[in-house]
PDB file of N, CA and C in Angstrom:
ATOM      1  N   MET A   1      93.858 114.024 102.445  1.00  0.00           N
ATOM      2  CA  MET A   1      95.143 114.050 101.800  1.00  0.00           C
ATOM      3  C   MET A   1      95.756 115.428 102.000  1.00  0.00           C
ATOM      4  N   LEU A   2      97.031 115.432 102.350  1.00  0.00           N
ATOM      5  CA  LEU A   2      97.738 116.681 102.566  1.00  0.00           C
ATOM      6  C   LEU A   2      98.643 116.976 101.376  1.00  0.00           C
ATOM      7  N   LEU A   3      98.949 118.262 101.193  1.00  0.00           N
ATOM      8  CA  LEU A   3      99.857 118.690 100.133  1.00  0.00           C
ATOM      9  C   LEU A   3     101.046 119.406 100.754  1.00  0.00           C
ATOM     10  N   LYS A   4     102.237 119.061 100.317  1.00  0.00           N
ATOM     11  CA  LYS A   4     103.419 119.800 100.723  1.00  0.00           C
ATOM     12  C   LYS A   4     103.254 121.243 100.243  1.00  0.00           C
ATOM     13  N   PHE A   5     103.754 122.207 100.991  1.00  0.00           N
ATOM     14  CA  PHE A   5     103.627 123.602 100.616  1.00  0.00           C
ATOM     15  C   PHE A   5     104.143 123.807  99.193  1.00  0.00           C
ATOM     16  N   GLY A   6     103.327 124.447  98.353  1.00  0.00           N
ATOM     17  CA  GLY A   6     103.698 124.735  96.975  1.00  0.00           C
ATOM     18  C   GLY A   6     103.234 123.710  95.965  1.00  0.00           C
ATOM     19  N   VAL A   7     102.709 122.593  96.423  1.00  0.00           N
ATOM     20  CA  VAL A   7     102.232 121.555  95.501  1.00  0.00           C
ATOM     21  C   VAL A   7     100.827 121.914  95.027  1.00  0.00           C
ATOM     22  N   ASP A   8     100.607 121.768  93.728  1.00  0.00           N
ATOM     23  CA  ASP A   8      99.332 122.127  93.098  1.00  0.00           C
ATOM     24  C   ASP A   8      98.765 120.898  92.399  1.00  0.00           C
ATOM     25  N   ILE A   9      97.595 120.435  92.836  1.00  0.00           N
ATOM     26  CA  ILE A   9      96.973 119.274  92.188  1.00  0.00           C
ATOM     27  C   ILE A   9      95.920 119.688  91.161  1.00  0.00           C
ATOM     28  N   SER A  10      95.738 120.964  90.943  1.00  0.00           N
ATOM     29  CA  SER A  10      94.665 121.429  90.064  1.00  0.00           C
ATOM     30  C   SER A  10      94.852 121.023  88.609  1.00  0.00           C
ATOM     31  N   ARG A  11      96.075 120.778  88.181  1.00  0.00           N
ATOM     32  CA  ARG A  11      96.326 120.414  86.776  1.00  0.00           C
ATOM     33  C   ARG A  11      96.308 118.907  86.525  1.00  0.00           C
ATOM     34  N   LEU A  12      96.217 118.105  87.581  1.00  0.00           N
ATOM     35  CA  LEU A  12      96.276 116.660  87.381  1.00  0.00           C
ATOM     36  C   LEU A  12      95.163 116.194  86.447  1.00  0.00           C
ATOM     37  N   LYS A  13      95.516 115.302  85.533  1.00  0.00           N
ATOM     38  CA  LYS A  13      94.546 114.727  84.596  1.00  0.00           C
ATOM     39  C   LYS A  13      93.607 113.794  85.370  1.00  0.00           C
ATOM     40  N   PRO A  14      92.395 113.592  84.842  1.00  0.00           N
ATOM     41  CA  PRO A  14      91.400 112.776  85.560  1.00  0.00           C
ATOM     42  C   PRO A  14      91.895 111.389  85.969  1.00  0.00           C
ATOM     43  N   GLU A  15      92.703 110.753  85.135  1.00  0.00           N
ATOM     44  CA  GLU A  15      93.147 109.388  85.429  1.00  0.00           C
ATOM     45  C   GLU A  15      93.982 109.336  86.709  1.00  0.00           C
ATOM     46  N   ILE A  16      94.943 110.234  86.831  1.00  0.00           N
ATOM     47  CA  ILE A  16      95.778 110.232  88.035  1.00  0.00           C
ATOM     48  C   ILE A  16      95.007 110.813  89.220  1.00  0.00           C
ATOM     49  N   ARG A  17      94.138 111.754  88.953  1.00  0.00           N
ATOM     50  CA  ARG A  17      93.325 112.343  90.029  1.00  0.00           C
ATOM     51  C   ARG A  17      92.443 111.281  90.693  1.00  0.00           C
ATOM     52  N   ARG A  18      91.878 110.378  89.886  1.00  0.00           N
ATOM     53  CA  ARG A  18      91.033 109.313  90.447  1.00  0.00           C
ATOM     54  C   ARG A  18      91.815 108.384  91.368  1.00  0.00           C
ATOM     55  N   SER A  19      93.114 108.260  91.148  1.00  0.00           N
ATOM     56  CA  SER A  19      93.928 107.373  91.988  1.00  0.00           C
ATOM     57  C   SER A  19      94.118 107.938  93.396  1.00  0.00           C
ATOM     58  N   LEU A  20      93.923 109.230  93.582  1.00  0.00           N
ATOM     59  CA  LEU A  20      94.167 109.856  94.884  1.00  0.00           C
ATOM     60  C   LEU A  20      93.298 109.251  95.978  1.00  0.00           C
ATOM     61  N   LYS A  21      92.061 108.945  95.652  1.00  0.00           N
ATOM     62  CA  LYS A  21      91.155 108.354  96.640  1.00  0.00           C
ATOM     63  C   LYS A  21      91.676 106.987  97.099  1.00  0.00           C
ATOM     64  N   THR A  22      92.156 106.206  96.167  1.00  0.00           N
ATOM     65  CA  THR A  22      92.703 104.888  96.490  1.00  0.00           C
ATOM     66  C   THR A  22      93.947 105.011  97.364  1.00  0.00           C
ATOM     67  N   VAL A  23      94.845 105.906  96.975  1.00  0.00           N
ATOM     68  CA  VAL A  23      96.078 106.116  97.737  1.00  0.00           C
ATOM     69  C   VAL A  23      95.753 106.563  99.156  1.00  0.00           C
ATOM     70  N   GLU A  24      94.849 107.507  99.272  1.00  0.00           N
ATOM     71  CA  GLU A  24      94.469 108.012 100.599  1.00  0.00           C
ATOM     72  C   GLU A  24      93.870 106.905 101.464  1.00  0.00           C
ATOM     73  N   SER A  25      93.012 106.096 100.886  1.00  0.00           N
ATOM     74  CA  SER A  25      92.393 104.996 101.627  1.00  0.00           C
ATOM     75  C   SER A  25      93.447 104.007 102.134  1.00  0.00           C
ATOM     76  N   ILE A  26      94.409 103.691 101.307  1.00  0.00           N
ATOM     77  CA  ILE A  26      95.479 102.766 101.699  1.00  0.00           C
ATOM     78  C   ILE A  26      96.295 103.357 102.850  1.00  0.00           C
ATOM     79  N   PHE A  27      96.614 104.638 102.764  1.00  0.00           N
ATOM     80  CA  PHE A  27      97.368 105.272 103.841  1.00  0.00           C
ATOM     81  C   PHE A  27      96.613 105.191 105.160  1.00  0.00           C
ATOM     82  N   TRP A  28      95.338 105.545 105.149  1.00  0.00           N
ATOM     83  CA  TRP A  28      94.563 105.507 106.396  1.00  0.00           C
ATOM     84  C   TRP A  28      94.486 104.091 106.950  1.00  0.00           C
ATOM     85  N   THR A  29      94.297 103.116 106.069  1.00  0.00           N
ATOM     86  CA  THR A  29      94.160 101.728 106.512  1.00  0.00           C
ATOM     87  C   THR A  29      95.461 101.183 107.098  1.00  0.00           C
ATOM     88  N   LEU A  30      96.578 101.454 106.436  1.00  0.00           N
ATOM     89  CA  LEU A  30      97.841 100.829 106.833  1.00  0.00           C
ATOM     90  C   LEU A  30      98.693 101.656 107.794  1.00  0.00           C
ATOM     91  N   SER A  31      98.514 102.973 107.783  1.00  0.00           N
ATOM     92  CA  SER A  31      99.373 103.780 108.655  1.00  0.00           C
ATOM     93  C   SER A  31      98.608 104.711 109.586  1.00  0.00           C
ATOM     94  N   GLU A  32      97.279 104.741 109.436  1.00  0.00           N
ATOM     95  CA  GLU A  32      96.415 105.602 110.254  1.00  0.00           C
ATOM     96  C   GLU A  32      96.830 107.065 110.171  1.00  0.00           C
ATOM     97  N   ARG A  33      97.248 107.479 108.985  1.00  0.00           N
ATOM     98  CA  ARG A  33      97.592 108.879 108.754  1.00  0.00           C
ATOM     99  C   ARG A  33      97.284 109.243 107.306  1.00  0.00           C
ATOM    100  N   GLU A  34      97.262 110.544 107.048  1.00  0.00           N
ATOM    101  CA  GLU A  34      96.982 111.018 105.707  1.00  0.00           C
ATOM    102  C   GLU A  34      98.215 110.898 104.816  1.00  0.00           C
ATOM    103  N   ALA A  35      97.964 110.676 103.551  1.00  0.00           N
ATOM    104  CA  ALA A  35      99.041 110.701 102.566  1.00  0.00           C
ATOM    105  C   ALA A  35      99.453 112.156 102.345  1.00  0.00           C
ATOM    106  N   ILE A  36     100.716 112.365 102.025  1.00  0.00           N
ATOM    107  CA  ILE A  36     101.217 113.706 101.737  1.00  0.00           C
ATOM    108  C   ILE A  36     101.794 113.709 100.326  1.00  0.00           C
ATOM    109  N   ILE A  37     101.175 114.475  99.443  1.00  0.00           N
ATOM    110  CA  ILE A  37     101.702 114.618  98.089  1.00  0.00           C
ATOM    111  C   ILE A  37     102.829 115.638  98.145  1.00  0.00           C
ATOM    112  N   THR A  38     104.009 115.229  97.681  1.00  0.00           N
ATOM    113  CA  THR A  38     105.168 116.110  97.735  1.00  0.00           C
ATOM    114  C   THR A  38     105.496 116.737  96.392  1.00  0.00           C
ATOM    115  N   SER A  39     104.909 116.221  95.306  1.00  0.00           N
ATOM    116  CA  SER A  39     105.192 116.799  93.998  1.00  0.00           C
ATOM    117  C   SER A  39     104.149 116.366  92.978  1.00  0.00           C
ATOM    118  N   THR A  40     103.819 117.295  92.097  1.00  0.00           N
ATOM    119  CA  THR A  40     103.033 116.983  90.899  1.00  0.00           C
ATOM    120  C   THR A  40     103.875 117.465  89.719  1.00  0.00           C
ATOM    121  N   PHE A  41     103.492 118.546  89.060  1.00  0.00           N
ATOM    122  CA  PHE A  41     104.234 119.039  87.903  1.00  0.00           C
ATOM    123  C   PHE A  41     105.385 119.963  88.274  1.00  0.00           C
ATOM    124  N   GLU A  42     105.337 120.531  89.478  1.00  0.00           N
ATOM    125  CA  GLU A  42     106.377 121.480  89.862  1.00  0.00           C
ATOM    126  C   GLU A  42     107.627 120.730  90.303  1.00  0.00           C
ATOM    127  N   GLY A  43     108.720 121.427  90.386  1.00  0.00           N
ATOM    128  CA  GLY A  43     109.965 120.803  90.805  1.00  0.00           C
ATOM    129  C   GLY A  43     110.775 120.309  89.623  1.00  0.00           C
ATOM    130  N   SER A  44     111.870 119.640  89.931  1.00  0.00           N
ATOM    131  CA  SER A  44     112.765 119.107  88.898  1.00  0.00           C
ATOM    132  C   SER A  44     112.533 117.614  88.745  1.00  0.00           C
ATOM    133  N   HIS A  45     112.279 117.215  87.526  1.00  0.00           N
ATOM    134  CA  HIS A  45     112.051 115.805  87.212  1.00  0.00           C
ATOM    135  C   HIS A  45     112.815 115.467  85.938  1.00  0.00           C
ATOM    136  N   LYS A  46     112.899 114.197  85.606  1.00  0.00           N
ATOM    137  CA  LYS A  46     113.550 113.788  84.364  1.00  0.00           C
ATOM    138  C   LYS A  46     112.849 114.462  83.186  1.00  0.00           C
ATOM    139  N   VAL A  47     113.571 114.654  82.117  1.00  0.00           N
ATOM    140  CA  VAL A  47     113.057 115.386  80.953  1.00  0.00           C
ATOM    141  C   VAL A  47     111.731 114.820  80.446  1.00  0.00           C
ATOM    142  N   ALA A  48     111.604 113.525  80.318  1.00  0.00           N
ATOM    143  CA  ALA A  48     110.385 112.909  79.784  1.00  0.00           C
ATOM    144  C   ALA A  48     109.402 112.488  80.878  1.00  0.00           C
ATOM    145  N   SER A  49     109.568 113.021  82.060  1.00  0.00           N
ATOM    146  CA  SER A  49     108.733 112.627  83.195  1.00  0.00           C
ATOM    147  C   SER A  49     107.252 112.921  82.951  1.00  0.00           C
ATOM    148  N   LEU A  50     106.413 112.015  83.407  1.00  0.00           N
ATOM    149  CA  LEU A  50     104.965 112.237  83.313  1.00  0.00           C
ATOM    150  C   LEU A  50     104.483 113.284  84.308  1.00  0.00           C
ATOM    151  N   HIS A  51     105.350 113.742  85.200  1.00  0.00           N
ATOM    152  CA  HIS A  51     105.000 114.873  86.060  1.00  0.00           C
ATOM    153  C   HIS A  51     104.630 116.080  85.188  1.00  0.00           C
ATOM    154  N   TYR A  52     105.406 116.304  84.139  1.00  0.00           N
ATOM    155  CA  TYR A  52     105.181 117.460  83.271  1.00  0.00           C
ATOM    156  C   TYR A  52     103.934 117.316  82.404  1.00  0.00           C
ATOM    157  N   ALA A  53     103.441 116.095  82.264  1.00  0.00           N
ATOM    158  CA  ALA A  53     102.194 115.840  81.531  1.00  0.00           C
ATOM    159  C   ALA A  53     101.001 115.796  82.485  1.00  0.00           C
ATOM    160  N   ASN A  54     101.234 116.151  83.751  1.00  0.00           N
ATOM    161  CA  ASN A  54     100.184 116.153  84.781  1.00  0.00           C
ATOM    162  C   ASN A  54      99.580 114.771  84.995  1.00  0.00           C
ATOM    163  N   GLN A  55     100.418 113.749  84.864  1.00  0.00           N
ATOM    164  CA  GLN A  55      99.985 112.363  85.019  1.00  0.00           C
ATOM    165  C   GLN A  55     100.785 111.621  86.097  1.00  0.00           C
ATOM    166  N   ALA A  56     101.473 112.369  86.983  1.00  0.00           N
ATOM    167  CA  ALA A  56     102.281 111.705  88.009  1.00  0.00           C
ATOM    168  C   ALA A  56     102.274 112.504  89.303  1.00  0.00           C
ATOM    169  N   ILE A  57     102.413 111.764  90.406  1.00  0.00           N
ATOM    170  CA  ILE A  57     102.529 112.378  91.723  1.00  0.00           C
ATOM    171  C   ILE A  57     103.622 111.653  92.503  1.00  0.00           C
ATOM    172  N   ASP A  58     104.175 112.342  93.473  1.00  0.00           N
ATOM    173  CA  ASP A  58     105.079 111.728  94.445  1.00  0.00           C
ATOM    174  C   ASP A  58     104.405 111.836  95.801  1.00  0.00           C
ATOM    175  N   VAL A  59     104.501 110.761  96.581  1.00  0.00           N
ATOM    176  CA  VAL A  59     103.843 110.703  97.881  1.00  0.00           C
ATOM    177  C   VAL A  59     104.862 110.289  98.935  1.00  0.00           C
ATOM    178  N   ARG A  60     104.941 111.063 100.012  1.00  0.00           N
ATOM    179  CA  ARG A  60     105.815 110.731 101.143  1.00  0.00           C
ATOM    180  C   ARG A  60     105.189 109.573 101.903  1.00  0.00           C
ATOM    181  N   ILE A  61     106.033 108.650 102.331  1.00  0.00           N
ATOM    182  CA  ILE A  61     105.513 107.500 103.068  1.00  0.00           C
ATOM    183  C   ILE A  61     106.292 107.310 104.364  1.00  0.00           C
ATOM    184  N   PRO A  62     105.606 106.812 105.399  1.00  0.00           N
ATOM    185  CA  PRO A  62     106.305 106.527 106.657  1.00  0.00           C
ATOM    186  C   PRO A  62     107.241 105.333 106.465  1.00  0.00           C
ATOM    187  N   GLU A  63     108.467 105.468 106.904  1.00  0.00           N
ATOM    188  CA  GLU A  63     109.482 104.427 106.705  1.00  0.00           C
ATOM    189  C   GLU A  63     109.042 103.081 107.278  1.00  0.00           C
ATOM    190  N   THR A  64     108.348 103.092 108.399  1.00  0.00           N
ATOM    191  CA  THR A  64     107.962 101.838 109.045  1.00  0.00           C
ATOM    192  C   THR A  64     106.928 101.051 108.248  1.00  0.00           C
ATOM    193  N   LYS A  65     106.228 101.707 107.347  1.00  0.00           N
ATOM    194  CA  LYS A  65     105.190 101.039 106.550  1.00  0.00           C
ATOM    195  C   LYS A  65     105.502 101.078 105.056  1.00  0.00           C
ATOM    196  N   ARG A  66     106.723 101.453 104.706  1.00  0.00           N
ATOM    197  CA  ARG A  66     107.099 101.678 103.306  1.00  0.00           C
ATOM    198  C   ARG A  66     106.708 100.523 102.384  1.00  0.00           C
ATOM    199  N   GLN A  67     107.205  99.333 102.655  1.00  0.00           N
ATOM    200  CA  GLN A  67     106.976  98.203 101.749  1.00  0.00           C
ATOM    201  C   GLN A  67     105.502  97.816 101.697  1.00  0.00           C
ATOM    202  N   GLU A  68     104.854  97.836 102.831  1.00  0.00           N
ATOM    203  CA  GLU A  68     103.443  97.460 102.901  1.00  0.00           C
ATOM    204  C   GLU A  68     102.566  98.428 102.088  1.00  0.00           C
ATOM    205  N   ILE A  69     102.803  99.716 102.248  1.00  0.00           N
ATOM    206  CA  ILE A  69     102.032 100.719 101.506  1.00  0.00           C
ATOM    207  C   ILE A  69     102.356 100.652 100.014  1.00  0.00           C
ATOM    208  N   PHE A  70     103.637 100.538  99.692  1.00  0.00           N
ATOM    209  CA  PHE A  70     104.052 100.429  98.292  1.00  0.00           C
ATOM    210  C   PHE A  70     103.350  99.253  97.614  1.00  0.00           C
ATOM    211  N   GLN A  71     103.363  98.094  98.262  1.00  0.00           N
ATOM    212  CA  GLN A  71     102.754  96.900  97.664  1.00  0.00           C
ATOM    213  C   GLN A  71     101.243  97.051  97.530  1.00  0.00           C
ATOM    214  N   ALA A  72     100.600  97.633  98.524  1.00  0.00           N
ATOM    215  CA  ALA A  72      99.141  97.823  98.469  1.00  0.00           C
ATOM    216  C   ALA A  72      98.748  98.770  97.343  1.00  0.00           C
ATOM    217  N   ILE A  73      99.500  99.851  97.167  1.00  0.00           N
ATOM    218  CA  ILE A  73      99.198 100.790  96.080  1.00  0.00           C
ATOM    219  C   ILE A  73      99.433 100.120  94.730  1.00  0.00           C
ATOM    220  N   THR A  74     100.536  99.411  94.603  1.00  0.00           N
ATOM    221  CA  THR A  74     100.837  98.697  93.357  1.00  0.00           C
ATOM    222  C   THR A  74      99.711  97.727  93.014  1.00  0.00           C
ATOM    223  N   ASN A  75      99.259  96.959  93.986  1.00  0.00           N
ATOM    224  CA  ASN A  75      98.184  95.989  93.750  1.00  0.00           C
ATOM    225  C   ASN A  75      96.860  96.664  93.418  1.00  0.00           C
ATOM    226  N   ALA A  76      96.574  97.771  94.070  1.00  0.00           N
ATOM    227  CA  ALA A  76      95.288  98.445  93.869  1.00  0.00           C
ATOM    228  C   ALA A  76      95.197  99.150  92.516  1.00  0.00           C
ATOM    229  N   LEU A  77      96.282  99.747  92.069  1.00  0.00           N
ATOM    230  CA  LEU A  77      96.234 100.522  90.831  1.00  0.00           C
ATOM    231  C   LEU A  77      96.456  99.669  89.593  1.00  0.00           C
ATOM    232  N   ARG A  78      97.111  98.576  89.719  1.00  0.00           N
ATOM    233  CA  ARG A  78      97.299  97.566  88.691  1.00  0.00           C
ATOM    234  C   ARG A  78      97.964  98.046  87.417  1.00  0.00           C
ATOM    235  N   LYS A  79      97.469  97.570  86.282  1.00  0.00           N
ATOM    236  CA  LYS A  79      98.204  97.646  85.020  1.00  0.00           C
ATOM    237  C   LYS A  79      98.363  99.027  84.402  1.00  0.00           C
ATOM    238  N   ASP A  80      97.476  99.958  84.627  1.00  0.00           N
ATOM    239  CA  ASP A  80      97.572 101.258  83.965  1.00  0.00           C
ATOM    240  C   ASP A  80      98.479 102.255  84.679  1.00  0.00           C
ATOM    241  N   PHE A  81      99.023 101.866  85.810  1.00  0.00           N
ATOM    242  CA  PHE A  81      99.864 102.752  86.601  1.00  0.00           C
ATOM    243  C   PHE A  81     101.228 102.119  86.841  1.00  0.00           C
ATOM    244  N   ASP A  82     102.239 102.966  86.877  1.00  0.00           N
ATOM    245  CA  ASP A  82     103.555 102.547  87.340  1.00  0.00           C
ATOM    246  C   ASP A  82     103.719 103.114  88.744  1.00  0.00           C
ATOM    247  N   VAL A  83     104.110 102.264  89.672  1.00  0.00           N
ATOM    248  CA  VAL A  83     104.340 102.676  91.048  1.00  0.00           C
ATOM    249  C   VAL A  83     105.789 102.322  91.361  1.00  0.00           C
ATOM    250  N   ILE A  84     106.579 103.345  91.686  1.00  0.00           N
ATOM    251  CA  ILE A  84     108.013 103.154  91.869  1.00  0.00           C
ATOM    252  C   ILE A  84     108.396 103.558  93.290  1.00  0.00           C
ATOM    253  N   ASN A  85     109.067 102.649  93.969  1.00  0.00           N
ATOM    254  CA  ASN A  85     109.515 102.879  95.343  1.00  0.00           C
ATOM    255  C   ASN A  85     110.849 103.614  95.282  1.00  0.00           C
ATOM    256  N   GLU A  86     110.811 104.933  95.371  1.00  0.00           N
ATOM    257  CA  GLU A  86     112.017 105.761  95.310  1.00  0.00           C
ATOM    258  C   GLU A  86     112.662 105.845  96.698  1.00  0.00           C
ATOM    259  N   VAL A  87     113.758 106.550  96.804  1.00  0.00           N
ATOM    260  CA  VAL A  87     114.511 106.637  98.064  1.00  0.00           C
ATOM    261  C   VAL A  87     113.670 107.235  99.189  1.00  0.00           C
ATOM    262  N   ASP A  88     112.983 108.345  98.923  1.00  0.00           N
ATOM    263  CA  ASP A  88     112.261 109.029 100.003  1.00  0.00           C
ATOM    264  C   ASP A  88     110.777 109.258  99.713  1.00  0.00           C
ATOM    265  N   HIS A  89     110.249 108.584  98.701  1.00  0.00           N
ATOM    266  CA  HIS A  89     108.838 108.733  98.350  1.00  0.00           C
ATOM    267  C   HIS A  89     108.406 107.597  97.431  1.00  0.00           C
ATOM    268  N   ILE A  90     107.113 107.548  97.182  1.00  0.00           N
ATOM    269  CA  ILE A  90     106.587 106.644  96.167  1.00  0.00           C
ATOM    270  C   ILE A  90     106.160 107.511  94.985  1.00  0.00           C
ATOM    271  N   HIS A  91     106.623 107.135  93.811  1.00  0.00           N
ATOM    272  CA  HIS A  91     106.248 107.817  92.578  1.00  0.00           C
ATOM    273  C   HIS A  91     105.115 107.023  91.947  1.00  0.00           C
ATOM    274  N   ILE A  92     104.029 107.707  91.593  1.00  0.00           N
ATOM    275  CA  ILE A  92     102.872 107.057  90.985  1.00  0.00           C
ATOM    276  C   ILE A  92     102.564 107.794  89.694  1.00  0.00           C
ATOM    277  N   GLU A  93     102.481 107.059  88.586  1.00  0.00           N
ATOM    278  CA  GLU A  93     102.160 107.697  87.314  1.00  0.00           C
ATOM    279  C   GLU A  93     101.150 106.870  86.545  1.00  0.00           C
ATOM    280  N   TYR A  94     100.291 107.584  85.841  1.00  0.00           N
ATOM    281  CA  TYR A  94      99.339 106.935  84.953  1.00  0.00           C
ATOM    282  C   TYR A  94     100.046 106.716  83.625  1.00  0.00           C
ATOM    283  N   ASP A  95     100.269 105.467  83.281  1.00  0.00           N
ATOM    284  CA  ASP A  95     101.043 105.132  82.092  1.00  0.00           C
ATOM    285  C   ASP A  95     100.522 103.819  81.509  1.00  0.00           C
ATOM    286  N   PRO A  96      99.327 103.862  80.879  1.00  0.00           N
ATOM    287  CA  PRO A  96      98.754 102.618  80.340  1.00  0.00           C
ATOM    288  C   PRO A  96      99.643 102.023  79.250  1.00  0.00           C
ATOM    289  N   LYS A  97      99.675 100.737  79.221  1.00  0.00           N
ATOM    290  CA  LYS A  97     100.507 100.029  78.241  1.00  0.00           C
ATOM    291  C   LYS A  97      99.693  99.650  77.028  1.00  0.00           C
TER     292      LYS A  97
END
């Protein structure tokens, strides 16, 4: 897994950190490349964003595999995670209901 320059994963809570292995595996399987985390807690996010609680990540995805990767991550992480297909990335947050 690659990190965009300036991204720090050291503060991620265990729940979201455990998802990284799954995300990385899906990327290698479907796109034959590493996932790139573009944001954790740093940067500008909505006021109540789980990024600030160290429970969310943004991941850059290849446009040609966008829907396939998005669906695979959504299916793999299931009920305790919200996976949102944003304009230029996938937002993944640990948010149990």
